[in-house]
């Protein structure tokens, strides 16, 4: 990564570093460009194509990750490059009411979804990621999707994405990787409080009762049993986790899809969350702070094994605003796994699997670790 404010100097630094590390031109590169370099994107793109060759995807965003550093709201350019013979770049488009389309079509590329991973970089204004993930799961059951939604500097039309020889301003770009080369890890950063409960009355995203009591009554009962520290977290960062696989008899952190509680209806005692639920779903209250987010990340990294490099998509609500220190997620990966070859961005929404399908998250660290021959 380079944090040089001059785009030409930054390109020279990162390209030199890539070629020195690999000893040859890469097969594929993924570029992350800070919004401060937005005016130089075409020049950056041209230099990457000429000097690195191979396939290329990338995006602009507000804060960039490279190595053990996270450069927030400042000039930065980070490149992840690899010699890997089964990675294919794609360009996606989807608008309201239209089917997801890709160039080339995913139907021509994906024969075994369960051994493939799609790295996805998306524009928040022109690409409905939630709908796209549902359609991808329908078309390719078991496909793992991991990535992030760009955090633009201004409004619609200010994101730029790279796709081989083109610079595009809408949709999404992706990298399809096969042969089980990618290990996906998602750290949602919450810890559970109380006990799991079954939803006994609900409608849409409103939960009326859990285990026979109103949702508010259950929360008030739990609140009285908490420490003062956790009571303060309930008031500031309360979430709800929904079990994604009801067949499991024992539940751990990774078995819950975490969603924020966005409203409490005092007269009825109902809770409103940012997800649809059904009667019979198992849920549990969750809280998040820097300590729980850091602990959850460290616990999840034990699953990463002998990874050689990684792409990191961290929520833009994490970083220094959550941890009160710079570089937390990137530095933790570097410390725990000894991986310096890390690139990524802070996102306006992180994409990664929980259970057997992928979702959009917030305040999450979604990580793609490359194993099994990718160098």
Protein backbone atom coordinates (compact mmCIF):
# COMPACT_ATOMS: atom_id res chain seq x y z
CA UNK A 1 0.00 0.00 0.00
CA UNK A 2 1.06 3.58 -0.60
CA UNK A 3 -0.27 6.61 1.26
CA UNK A 4 1.56 9.07 -0.99
CA UNK A 5 -0.75 12.01 -1.82
CA UNK A 6 0.48 12.10 -5.42
CA UNK A 7 -1.33 9.39 -7.42
CA UNK A 8 1.56 8.80 -9.83
CA UNK A 9 4.00 8.27 -6.96
CA UNK A 10 1.52 6.00 -5.19
CA UNK A 11 1.12 3.82 -8.29
CA UNK A 12 4.86 3.52 -8.69
CA UNK A 13 5.29 2.46 -5.08
CA UNK A 14 2.61 -0.24 -5.09
CA UNK A 15 3.54 -1.68 -8.48
CA UNK A 16 7.17 -1.87 -7.48
CA UNK A 17 6.24 -3.65 -4.27
CA UNK A 18 3.98 -6.17 -6.06
CA UNK A 19 6.59 -7.10 -8.67
CA UNK A 20 9.32 -7.37 -6.05
CA UNK A 21 7.22 -9.66 -3.85
CA UNK A 22 5.94 -11.92 -6.65
CA UNK A 23 9.03 -11.89 -8.86
CA UNK A 24 6.77 -11.93 -11.92
CA UNK A 25 3.66 -10.29 -13.33
CA UNK A 26 0.50 -11.41 -11.53
CA UNK A 27 -2.47 -13.22 -13.08
CA UNK A 28 -4.97 -11.11 -11.16
CA UNK A 29 -4.98 -7.85 -9.19
CA UNK A 30 -7.57 -6.22 -6.95
CA UNK A 31 -7.14 -2.47 -6.42
CA UNK A 32 -8.52 -0.27 -3.64
CA UNK A 33 -8.27 3.46 -4.30
CA UNK A 34 -9.10 6.20 -1.80
CA UNK A 35 -11.64 8.86 -2.73
CA UNK A 36 -8.82 11.43 -2.60
CA UNK A 37 -7.46 9.86 -5.81
CA UNK A 38 -10.84 9.89 -7.58
CA UNK A 39 -9.70 12.46 -10.13
CA UNK A 40 -6.73 10.26 -11.06
CA UNK A 41 -8.58 6.95 -11.37
CA UNK A 42 -8.18 6.70 -15.15
CA UNK A 43 -4.45 7.32 -14.91
CA UNK A 44 -4.10 4.81 -12.08
CA UNK A 45 -6.08 2.28 -14.09
CA UNK A 46 -3.96 2.76 -17.21
CA UNK A 47 -0.73 2.32 -15.25
CA UNK A 48 -1.95 -0.84 -13.55
CA UNK A 49 -3.02 -2.37 -16.85
CA UNK A 50 0.26 -1.53 -18.57
CA UNK A 51 2.71 -2.45 -15.82
CA UNK A 52 1.00 -5.35 -14.03
CA UNK A 53 -0.97 -6.96 -16.85
CA UNK A 54 -3.26 -9.86 -16.04
CA UNK A 55 -6.88 -9.40 -14.98
CA UNK A 56 -7.99 -6.47 -12.84
CA UNK A 57 -10.89 -5.41 -10.67
CA UNK A 58 -11.05 -2.60 -8.13
CA UNK A 59 -13.00 0.22 -6.57
CA UNK A 60 -12.74 3.59 -4.91
CA UNK A 61 -13.77 4.01 -1.28
CA UNK A 62 -13.35 6.31 1.69
CA UNK A 63 -10.74 4.35 3.66
CA UNK A 64 -8.20 1.83 2.41
CA UNK A 65 -6.48 -1.18 4.01
CA UNK A 66 -3.03 -2.42 3.12
CA UNK A 67 -0.73 -4.69 5.12
CA UNK A 68 -1.22 -3.94 8.82
CA UNK A 69 -2.48 -0.38 8.13
CA UNK A 70 -5.92 1.17 7.71
CA UNK A 71 -5.76 4.64 6.16
CA UNK A 72 -8.99 6.42 7.05
CA UNK A 73 -10.23 9.42 5.09
CA UNK A 74 -6.80 10.13 3.56
CA UNK A 75 -4.95 9.37 0.30
CA UNK A 76 -4.13 5.69 -0.15
CA UNK A 77 -3.75 3.04 -2.83
CA UNK A 78 -3.62 -0.66 -2.05
CA UNK A 79 -3.16 -3.60 -4.42
CA UNK A 80 -3.65 -7.31 -3.85
CA UNK A 81 -2.06 -9.36 -6.63
CA UNK A 82 -1.63 -13.11 -7.09
CA UNK A 83 -0.48 -15.77 -9.50
CA UNK A 84 -3.57 -17.94 -9.69
CA UNK A 85 -4.93 -19.68 -12.77
CA UNK A 86 -8.60 -20.06 -11.89
CA UNK A 87 -9.75 -16.52 -11.06
CA UNK A 88 -12.15 -14.79 -13.47
CA UNK A 89 -13.21 -11.11 -13.27
CA UNK A 90 -16.89 -10.28 -13.77
CA UNK A 91 -19.00 -7.17 -14.15
CA UNK A 92 -22.54 -7.15 -12.69
CA UNK A 93 -25.61 -5.02 -13.19
CA UNK A 94 -29.01 -5.11 -11.55
CA UNK A 95 -31.70 -2.49 -11.06
CA UNK A 96 -35.11 -2.66 -9.45
CA UNK A 97 -37.34 -5.21 -11.15
CA UNK A 98 -34.56 -6.57 -13.36
CA UNK A 99 -32.71 -9.84 -13.14
CA UNK A 100 -29.06 -9.92 -12.18
CA UNK A 101 -26.79 -9.98 -15.23
CA UNK A 102 -23.05 -10.53 -15.42
CA UNK A 103 -20.31 -10.32 -18.03
CA UNK A 104 -19.34 -13.08 -18.56
CA UNK A 105 -22.50 -14.95 -17.41
CA UNK A 106 -22.05 -16.81 -14.14
CA UNK A 107 -23.93 -19.76 -15.65
CA UNK A 108 -20.96 -20.32 -17.98
CA UNK A 109 -18.39 -20.20 -15.18
CA UNK A 110 -19.83 -21.89 -12.10
CA UNK A 111 -20.12 -25.67 -12.29
CA UNK A 112 -19.71 -26.41 -8.57
CA UNK A 113 -20.91 -23.46 -6.46
CA UNK A 114 -19.91 -25.12 -3.19
CA UNK A 115 -16.22 -25.00 -4.12
CA UNK A 116 -16.31 -21.46 -5.57
CA UNK A 117 -16.08 -18.02 -4.00
CA UNK A 118 -17.17 -14.71 -5.51
CA UNK A 119 -15.32 -11.61 -4.33
CA UNK A 120 -17.80 -8.75 -4.87
CA UNK A 121 -17.18 -4.98 -4.88
CA UNK A 122 -20.38 -2.94 -5.24
CA UNK A 123 -21.60 0.62 -5.72
CA UNK A 124 -24.19 1.44 -3.01
CA UNK A 125 -26.36 3.62 -5.23
CA UNK A 126 -26.79 1.54 -8.39
CA UNK A 127 -26.55 -2.06 -7.21
CA UNK A 128 -29.08 -3.61 -4.77
CA UNK A 129 -26.72 -6.02 -3.04
CA UNK A 130 -29.31 -7.77 -0.84
CA UNK A 131 -31.45 -8.63 -3.87
CA UNK A 132 -28.40 -9.73 -5.84
CA UNK A 133 -27.31 -12.11 -3.08
CA UNK A 134 -30.76 -13.70 -3.01
CA UNK A 135 -30.65 -14.19 -6.77
CA UNK A 136 -27.11 -15.59 -6.70
CA UNK A 137 -28.17 -18.10 -4.04
CA UNK A 138 -31.13 -19.14 -6.19
CA UNK A 139 -28.97 -19.53 -9.30
CA UNK A 140 -25.93 -21.08 -7.59
CA UNK A 141 -26.90 -22.68 -4.26
CA UNK A 142 -23.95 -22.86 -1.91
CA UNK A 143 -21.89 -20.14 -3.63
CA UNK A 144 -19.92 -18.12 -1.09
CA UNK A 145 -19.97 -14.36 -1.72
CA UNK A 146 -17.62 -12.12 0.23
CA UNK A 147 -16.73 -8.48 -0.29
CA UNK A 148 -17.87 -4.98 0.42
CA UNK A 149 -19.99 -2.01 -0.62
CA UNK A 150 -17.93 1.06 -1.47
CA UNK A 151 -18.18 4.08 0.81
CA UNK A 152 -18.22 7.02 -1.64
CA UNK A 153 -17.05 10.54 -0.99
CA UNK A 154 -20.32 12.15 -2.02
CA UNK A 155 -23.59 11.02 -3.56
CA UNK A 156 -24.63 8.80 -6.49
CA UNK A 157 -22.20 8.56 -9.38
CA UNK A 158 -19.04 9.18 -7.36
CA UNK A 159 -17.81 5.57 -7.14
CA UNK A 160 -15.43 4.28 -9.81
CA UNK A 161 -14.79 0.58 -10.33
CA UNK A 162 -12.16 -1.16 -12.42
CA UNK A 163 -12.93 -4.09 -14.68
CA UNK A 164 -10.02 -5.17 -16.85
CA UNK A 165 -9.73 -2.46 -19.55
CA UNK A 166 -12.75 -0.45 -18.38
CA UNK A 167 -13.52 2.07 -15.64
CA UNK A 168 -17.22 1.87 -14.71
CA UNK A 169 -19.42 4.09 -12.53
CA UNK A 170 -22.30 1.79 -11.60
CA UNK A 171 -23.16 -1.80 -10.76
CA UNK A 172 -20.59 -4.13 -9.24
CA UNK A 173 -17.43 -5.96 -10.17
CA UNK A 174 -16.32 -9.34 -8.95
CA UNK A 175 -13.69 -12.03 -8.99
CA UNK A 176 -14.77 -15.66 -9.19
CA UNK A 177 -12.26 -18.04 -7.62
CA UNK A 178 -12.59 -21.82 -7.72
CA UNK A 179 -11.05 -24.99 -6.35
CA UNK A 180 -11.65 -24.12 -2.68
CA UNK A 181 -8.83 -21.57 -2.76
CA UNK A 182 -10.65 -19.12 -0.46
CA UNK A 183 -11.50 -19.51 3.21
CA UNK A 184 -14.17 -17.00 4.19
CA UNK A 185 -14.35 -15.71 7.77
CA UNK A 186 -16.96 -13.28 9.10
CA UNK A 187 -16.60 -11.57 12.48
CA UNK A 188 -19.84 -9.78 13.39
CA UNK A 189 -18.32 -8.36 16.56
CA UNK A 190 -21.15 -8.99 19.02
CA UNK A 191 -21.47 -11.13 22.11
CA UNK A 192 -24.73 -12.70 23.27
CA UNK A 193 -26.56 -11.78 26.46
CA UNK A 194 -29.38 -13.70 28.05
CA UNK A 195 -30.53 -16.97 26.50
CA UNK A 196 -31.89 -18.00 23.09
CA UNK A 197 -35.66 -17.61 22.76
CA UNK A 198 -38.27 -18.64 20.21
CA UNK A 199 -40.35 -15.97 18.47
CA UNK A 200 -44.00 -16.65 19.29
CA UNK A 201 -45.64 -13.71 17.51
CA UNK A 202 -44.35 -11.43 14.76
CA UNK A 203 -45.11 -9.75 11.46
CA UNK A 204 -42.49 -8.84 8.87
CA UNK A 205 -39.62 -7.26 10.76
CA UNK A 206 -41.66 -6.62 13.93
CA UNK A 207 -41.29 -9.04 16.84
CA UNK A 208 -44.28 -8.97 19.18
CA UNK A 209 -43.45 -11.78 21.60
CA UNK A 210 -40.65 -14.18 22.44
CA UNK A 211 -41.15 -17.29 24.59
CA UNK A 212 -44.70 -16.16 25.40
CA UNK A 213 -43.86 -12.66 26.67
CA UNK A 214 -43.69 -9.37 24.82
CA UNK A 215 -40.27 -8.59 23.43
CA UNK A 216 -40.04 -5.57 25.73
CA UNK A 217 -40.85 -7.68 28.81
CA UNK A 218 -38.11 -10.14 27.89
CA UNK A 219 -35.64 -7.31 27.45
CA UNK A 220 -36.61 -5.62 30.73
CA UNK A 221 -36.24 -8.89 32.62
CA UNK A 222 -32.81 -9.46 31.08
CA UNK A 223 -31.74 -5.86 31.73
CA UNK A 224 -32.10 -6.27 35.48
CA UNK A 225 -29.68 -9.21 35.49
CA UNK A 226 -26.88 -7.38 33.64
CA UNK A 227 -23.85 -5.54 34.97
CA UNK A 228 -23.83 -1.77 34.80
CA UNK A 229 -21.40 -1.91 31.87
CA UNK A 230 -23.66 -4.21 29.87
CA UNK A 231 -26.73 -2.16 30.75
CA UNK A 232 -25.03 0.86 29.20
CA UNK A 233 -24.30 -1.19 26.06
CA UNK A 234 -27.95 -2.23 25.86
CA UNK A 235 -28.87 1.45 25.78
CA UNK A 236 -26.30 2.27 23.10
CA UNK A 237 -25.63 -0.82 20.94
CA UNK A 238 -28.36 -3.42 21.31
CA UNK A 239 -28.73 -5.98 18.53
CA UNK A 240 -30.62 -9.20 17.95
CA UNK A 241 -29.13 -12.40 16.59
CA UNK A 242 -31.27 -14.76 14.53
CA UNK A 243 -30.22 -18.41 14.29
CA UNK A 244 -29.59 -19.27 10.63
CA UNK A 245 -29.72 -23.06 11.02
CA UNK A 246 -32.51 -24.22 13.33
CA UNK A 247 -31.28 -27.83 13.06
CA UNK A 248 -28.33 -27.12 15.34
CA UNK A 249 -28.73 -28.34 18.91
CA UNK A 250 -25.93 -26.19 20.36
CA UNK A 251 -25.40 -22.58 19.39
CA UNK A 252 -22.24 -20.48 19.17
CA UNK A 253 -21.55 -16.91 18.06
CA UNK A 254 -21.16 -17.84 14.41
CA UNK A 255 -24.63 -19.39 14.30
CA UNK A 256 -26.42 -16.02 14.58
CA UNK A 257 -27.09 -13.44 11.90
CA UNK A 258 -26.75 -10.13 13.78
CA UNK A 259 -29.20 -7.33 13.06
CA UNK A 260 -29.68 -3.98 14.83
CA UNK A 261 -32.84 -3.20 16.75
CA UNK A 262 -34.15 -0.06 15.11
CA UNK A 263 -37.25 0.68 17.21
CA UNK A 264 -39.07 -0.29 20.39
CA UNK A 265 -42.84 0.22 20.36
CA UNK A 266 -43.49 1.16 23.98
CA UNK A 267 -47.32 0.77 23.95
CA UNK A 268 -47.24 -2.76 22.47
CA UNK A 269 -43.85 -3.94 23.71
CA UNK A 270 -42.77 -4.93 20.20
CA UNK A 271 -39.27 -4.68 18.73
CA UNK A 272 -38.50 -3.75 15.13
CA UNK A 273 -35.30 -5.07 13.57
CA UNK A 274 -33.68 -4.64 10.15
CA UNK A 275 -34.62 -8.12 8.94
CA UNK A 276 -37.70 -10.24 8.38
CA UNK A 277 -38.49 -12.93 10.93
CA UNK A 278 -41.00 -15.76 11.30
CA UNK A 279 -42.78 -17.47 14.16
CA UNK A 280 -40.54 -20.27 15.37
CA UNK A 281 -37.25 -18.48 14.68
CA UNK A 282 -34.71 -18.64 17.50
CA UNK A 283 -33.23 -15.31 18.53
CA UNK A 284 -30.95 -13.92 21.22
CA UNK A 285 -30.10 -10.40 22.32
CA UNK A 286 -26.57 -9.23 21.47
CA UNK A 287 -24.39 -6.24 22.39
CA UNK A 288 -21.32 -4.77 20.74
CA UNK A 289 -18.40 -2.70 21.95
CA UNK A 290 -14.70 -2.51 21.16
CA UNK A 291 -13.82 -5.32 23.56
CA UNK A 292 -16.44 -7.74 22.22
CA UNK A 293 -15.62 -6.87 18.59
CA UNK A 294 -11.91 -7.40 19.18
CA UNK A 295 -12.47 -10.68 21.01
CA UNK A 296 -14.80 -11.97 18.30
CA UNK A 297 -12.26 -11.14 15.59
CA UNK A 298 -9.44 -12.91 17.40
CA UNK A 299 -11.59 -16.00 18.00
CA UNK A 300 -12.61 -16.17 14.34
CA UNK A 301 -9.02 -15.91 13.14
CA UNK A 302 -8.19 -19.29 14.65
CA UNK A 303 -10.13 -20.75 11.68
CA UNK A 304 -7.90 -19.10 9.08
CA UNK A 305 -5.21 -21.79 9.10
CA UNK A 306 -2.14 -21.33 6.92
CA UNK A 307 -3.41 -18.51 4.72
CA UNK A 308 -0.91 -16.81 2.44
CA UNK A 309 -2.79 -13.56 1.82
CA UNK A 310 -6.14 -11.95 2.55
CA UNK A 311 -8.73 -9.44 1.42
CA UNK A 312 -10.32 -7.56 4.33
CA UNK A 313 -13.66 -5.76 4.22
CA UNK A 314 -14.23 -3.92 7.48
CA UNK A 315 -17.28 -1.87 8.39
CA UNK A 316 -16.74 1.88 8.33
CA UNK A 317 -18.28 1.98 11.81
CA UNK A 318 -15.29 0.01 13.08
CA UNK A 319 -11.82 1.51 12.67
CA UNK A 320 -10.79 4.30 15.00
CA UNK A 321 -14.41 5.28 15.78
CA UNK A 322 -15.06 1.93 17.48
CA UNK A 323 -11.66 0.83 18.73
CA UNK A 324 -10.25 4.30 19.50
CA UNK A 325 -7.06 3.23 17.76
CA UNK A 326 -6.00 3.01 14.15
CA UNK A 327 -5.39 -0.20 12.20
CA UNK A 328 -7.17 -2.56 14.60
CA UNK A 329 -8.52 -5.21 12.21
CA UNK A 330 -5.59 -5.22 9.78
CA UNK A 331 -3.03 -5.24 12.59
CA UNK A 332 -4.84 -8.09 14.37
CA UNK A 333 -4.71 -10.24 11.23
CA UNK A 334 -1.04 -9.43 10.82
CA UNK A 335 -0.27 -10.23 14.46
CA UNK A 336 -2.32 -13.42 14.71
CA UNK A 337 -1.51 -14.99 11.36
CA UNK A 338 1.71 -13.31 10.31
CA UNK A 339 0.13 -12.25 7.02
CA UNK A 340 1.45 -8.98 5.63
CA UNK A 341 -0.19 -9.46 2.22
CA UNK A 342 -3.54 -7.92 3.14
CA UNK A 343 -5.58 -5.41 1.13
CA UNK A 344 -9.12 -4.11 1.38
CA UNK A 345 -11.29 -1.22 2.44
CA UNK A 346 -13.65 0.11 5.06
CA UNK A 347 -17.14 -0.41 3.68
CA UNK A 348 -20.66 0.95 3.73
CA UNK A 349 -21.79 -2.67 4.12
CA UNK A 350 -19.79 -5.88 4.30
CA UNK A 351 -20.69 -9.08 2.45
CA UNK A 352 -20.00 -12.53 3.83
CA UNK A 353 -21.47 -15.91 4.74
CA UNK A 354 -23.24 -16.88 7.94
CA UNK A 355 -24.31 -20.49 7.85
CA UNK A 356 -24.85 -21.69 4.31
CA UNK A 357 -25.52 -18.37 2.54
CA UNK A 358 -24.12 -14.87 2.28
CA UNK A 359 -25.61 -11.64 3.64
CA UNK A 360 -24.92 -7.91 3.87
CA UNK A 361 -23.67 -6.90 7.32
CA UNK A 362 -22.73 -3.79 9.24
CA UNK A 363 -19.92 -3.19 11.76
CA UNK A 364 -18.44 -6.49 10.56
CA UNK A 365 -15.04 -7.73 9.43
CA UNK A 366 -15.52 -9.97 6.39
CA UNK A 367 -12.30 -11.70 5.32
CA UNK A 368 -11.26 -13.79 2.32
CA UNK A 369 -8.13 -15.83 3.13
CA UNK A 370 -6.34 -17.34 0.16
CA UNK A 371 -5.05 -20.88 0.64
CA UNK A 372 -4.22 -23.89 -1.49
CA UNK A 373 -1.78 -22.66 -4.10
CA UNK A 374 -2.70 -19.00 -4.56
CA UNK A 375 0.52 -16.99 -4.27
